[in-house]
C-alpha atoms as a PDB file:
ATOM      1  CA  UNK A   1      -0.176  -0.080  -0.066  1.00  0.00           C
ATOM      2  CA  UNK A   2       1.170   3.600  -0.897  1.00  0.00           C
ATOM      3  CA  UNK A   3       0.804   6.249   1.452  1.00  0.00           C
ATOM      4  CA  UNK A   4      -1.335   8.710   0.281  1.00  0.00           C
ATOM      5  CA  UNK A   5      -1.618  12.392   1.343  1.00  0.00           C
ATOM      6  CA  UNK A   6      -5.099  11.698   2.092  1.00  0.00           C
ATOM      7  CA  UNK A   7      -4.268   8.651   4.499  1.00  0.00           C
ATOM      8  CA  UNK A   8      -1.267  11.209   5.836  1.00  0.00           C
ATOM      9  CA  UNK A   9      -3.672  14.022   6.540  1.00  0.00           C
ATOM     10  CA  UNK A  10      -6.307  11.718   8.383  1.00  0.00           C
ATOM     11  CA  UNK A  11      -3.311  10.223  10.608  1.00  0.00           C
ATOM     12  CA  UNK A  12      -2.188  13.475  11.055  1.00  0.00           C
ATOM     13  CA  UNK A  13      -5.791  14.955  12.122  1.00  0.00           C
ATOM     14  CA  UNK A  14      -6.283  11.673  14.718  1.00  0.00           C
ATOM     15  CA  UNK A  15      -2.791  11.664  16.361  1.00  0.00           C
ATOM     16  CA  UNK A  16      -1.484  15.122  15.985  1.00  0.00           C
ATOM     17  CA  UNK A  17       1.783  13.808  14.724  1.00  0.00           C
ATOM     18  CA  UNK A  18       3.041  15.730  11.667  1.00  0.00           C
ATOM     19  CA  UNK A  19       3.629  14.451   8.102  1.00  0.00           C
ATOM     20  CA  UNK A  20       6.983  14.839   8.525  1.00  0.00           C
ATOM     21  CA  UNK A  21       7.226  12.827  11.697  1.00  0.00           C
ATOM     22  CA  UNK A  22       5.215  10.152  10.119  1.00  0.00           C
ATOM     23  CA  UNK A  23       7.189   9.980   7.136  1.00  0.00           C
ATOM     24  CA  UNK A  24      10.571   9.622   8.790  1.00  0.00           C
ATOM     25  CA  UNK A  25       9.332   6.892  10.619  1.00  0.00           C
ATOM     26  CA  UNK A  26       7.850   5.115   7.447  1.00  0.00           C
ATOM     27  CA  UNK A  27      11.276   5.584   5.723  1.00  0.00           C
ATOM     28  CA  UNK A  28      13.108   3.911   8.819  1.00  0.00           C
ATOM     29  CA  UNK A  29      10.812   0.784   8.954  1.00  0.00           C
ATOM     30  CA  UNK A  30      10.952   0.677   5.188  1.00  0.00           C
ATOM     31  CA  UNK A  31      14.502  -0.200   5.301  1.00  0.00           C
ATOM     32  CA  UNK A  32      14.340  -2.101   8.741  1.00  0.00           C
ATOM     33  CA  UNK A  33      13.382  -5.536   9.753  1.00  0.00           C
ATOM     34  CA  UNK A  34       9.931  -5.616  10.885  1.00  0.00           C
ATOM     35  CA  UNK A  35      10.234  -9.171  12.277  1.00  0.00           C
ATOM     36  CA  UNK A  36      12.839  -7.869  14.614  1.00  0.00           C
ATOM     37  CA  UNK A  37      11.242  -7.398  18.130  1.00  0.00           C
ATOM     38  CA  UNK A  38      13.475  -4.375  19.125  1.00  0.00           C
ATOM     39  CA  UNK A  39      12.776  -2.537  16.028  1.00  0.00           C
ATOM     40  CA  UNK A  40       9.240  -2.602  16.583  1.00  0.00           C
ATOM     41  CA  UNK A  41       9.391  -1.627  20.159  1.00  0.00           C
ATOM     42  CA  UNK A  42      11.440   1.296  19.250  1.00  0.00           C
ATOM     43  CA  UNK A  43       8.675   2.489  16.836  1.00  0.00           C
ATOM     44  CA  UNK A  44       6.030   1.750  19.501  1.00  0.00           C
ATOM     45  CA  UNK A  45       8.014   3.967  21.967  1.00  0.00           C
ATOM     46  CA  UNK A  46       8.895   6.830  19.473  1.00  0.00           C
ATOM     47  CA  UNK A  47       5.136   7.296  18.678  1.00  0.00           C
ATOM     48  CA  UNK A  48       3.875   7.070  22.049  1.00  0.00           C
ATOM     49  CA  UNK A  49       6.292   9.901  22.950  1.00  0.00           C
ATOM     50  CA  UNK A  50       5.035  11.841  19.749  1.00  0.00           C
ATOM     51  CA  UNK A  51       1.450  11.040  20.561  1.00  0.00           C
ATOM     52  CA  UNK A  52       1.683  11.557  24.178  1.00  0.00           C
ATOM     53  CA  UNK A  53      -0.148   8.343  24.647  1.00  0.00           C
ATOM     54  CA  UNK A  54       1.327   5.900  27.023  1.00  0.00           C
ATOM     55  CA  UNK A  55       1.494   2.293  25.908  1.00  0.00           C
ATOM     56  CA  UNK A  56       1.500  -0.273  28.662  1.00  0.00           C
ATOM     57  CA  UNK A  57       3.914  -3.386  28.577  1.00  0.00           C
ATOM     58  CA  UNK A  58       0.929  -5.406  27.781  1.00  0.00           C
ATOM     59  CA  UNK A  59      -0.303  -2.961  24.678  1.00  0.00           C
ATOM     60  CA  UNK A  60       3.072  -3.309  23.343  1.00  0.00           C
ATOM     61  CA  UNK A  61       3.448  -7.156  23.748  1.00  0.00           C
ATOM     62  CA  UNK A  62       0.294  -7.439  21.784  1.00  0.00           C
ATOM     63  CA  UNK A  63       1.242  -4.824  19.003  1.00  0.00           C
ATOM     64  CA  UNK A  64       4.517  -6.841  18.613  1.00  0.00           C
ATOM     65  CA  UNK A  65       2.878 -10.020  18.113  1.00  0.00           C
ATOM     66  CA  UNK A  66       0.667  -8.627  15.572  1.00  0.00           C
ATOM     67  CA  UNK A  67       3.490  -6.737  13.716  1.00  0.00           C
ATOM     68  CA  UNK A  68       5.625  -9.954  14.064  1.00  0.00           C
ATOM     69  CA  UNK A  69       2.800 -12.248  13.170  1.00  0.00           C
ATOM     70  CA  UNK A  70       1.865 -10.592   9.693  1.00  0.00           C
ATOM     71  CA  UNK A  71      -1.917  -9.985  11.801  1.00  0.00           C
ATOM     72  CA  UNK A  72      -1.691  -6.312  10.486  1.00  0.00           C
ATOM     73  CA  UNK A  73      -4.813  -5.334   8.327  1.00  0.00           C
ATOM     74  CA  UNK A  74      -4.042  -4.632   4.723  1.00  0.00           C
ATOM     75  CA  UNK A  75      -5.989  -1.544   4.657  1.00  0.00           C
ATOM     76  CA  UNK A  76      -5.097   0.747   7.320  1.00  0.00           C
ATOM     77  CA  UNK A  77      -7.206   3.980   5.917  1.00  0.00           C
ATOM     78  CA  UNK A  78     -10.510   2.171   7.078  1.00  0.00           C
ATOM     79  CA  UNK A  79      -8.910   2.173  10.655  1.00  0.00           C
ATOM     80  CA  UNK A  80      -9.077   5.618  10.523  1.00  0.00           C
ATOM     81  CA  UNK A  81     -12.612   6.070   9.587  1.00  0.00           C
END
């Protein structure tokens, strides 16, 4: 899925995280290993800090399990409606 401007605008409105920050994280992930737990946890921590929303250990564990297990929905735009 390509990241569209419309998608970035929705994410920015919902999270108050700038497009530039979103694209920076996406670029880092593009070259990273999404099967690496350390990488995923780093992104979770960064997003938590950017949004000002704490993520519990349990939530982080569930996110890591979903990403590593390829359980992420194909159409993320539907999650923002």
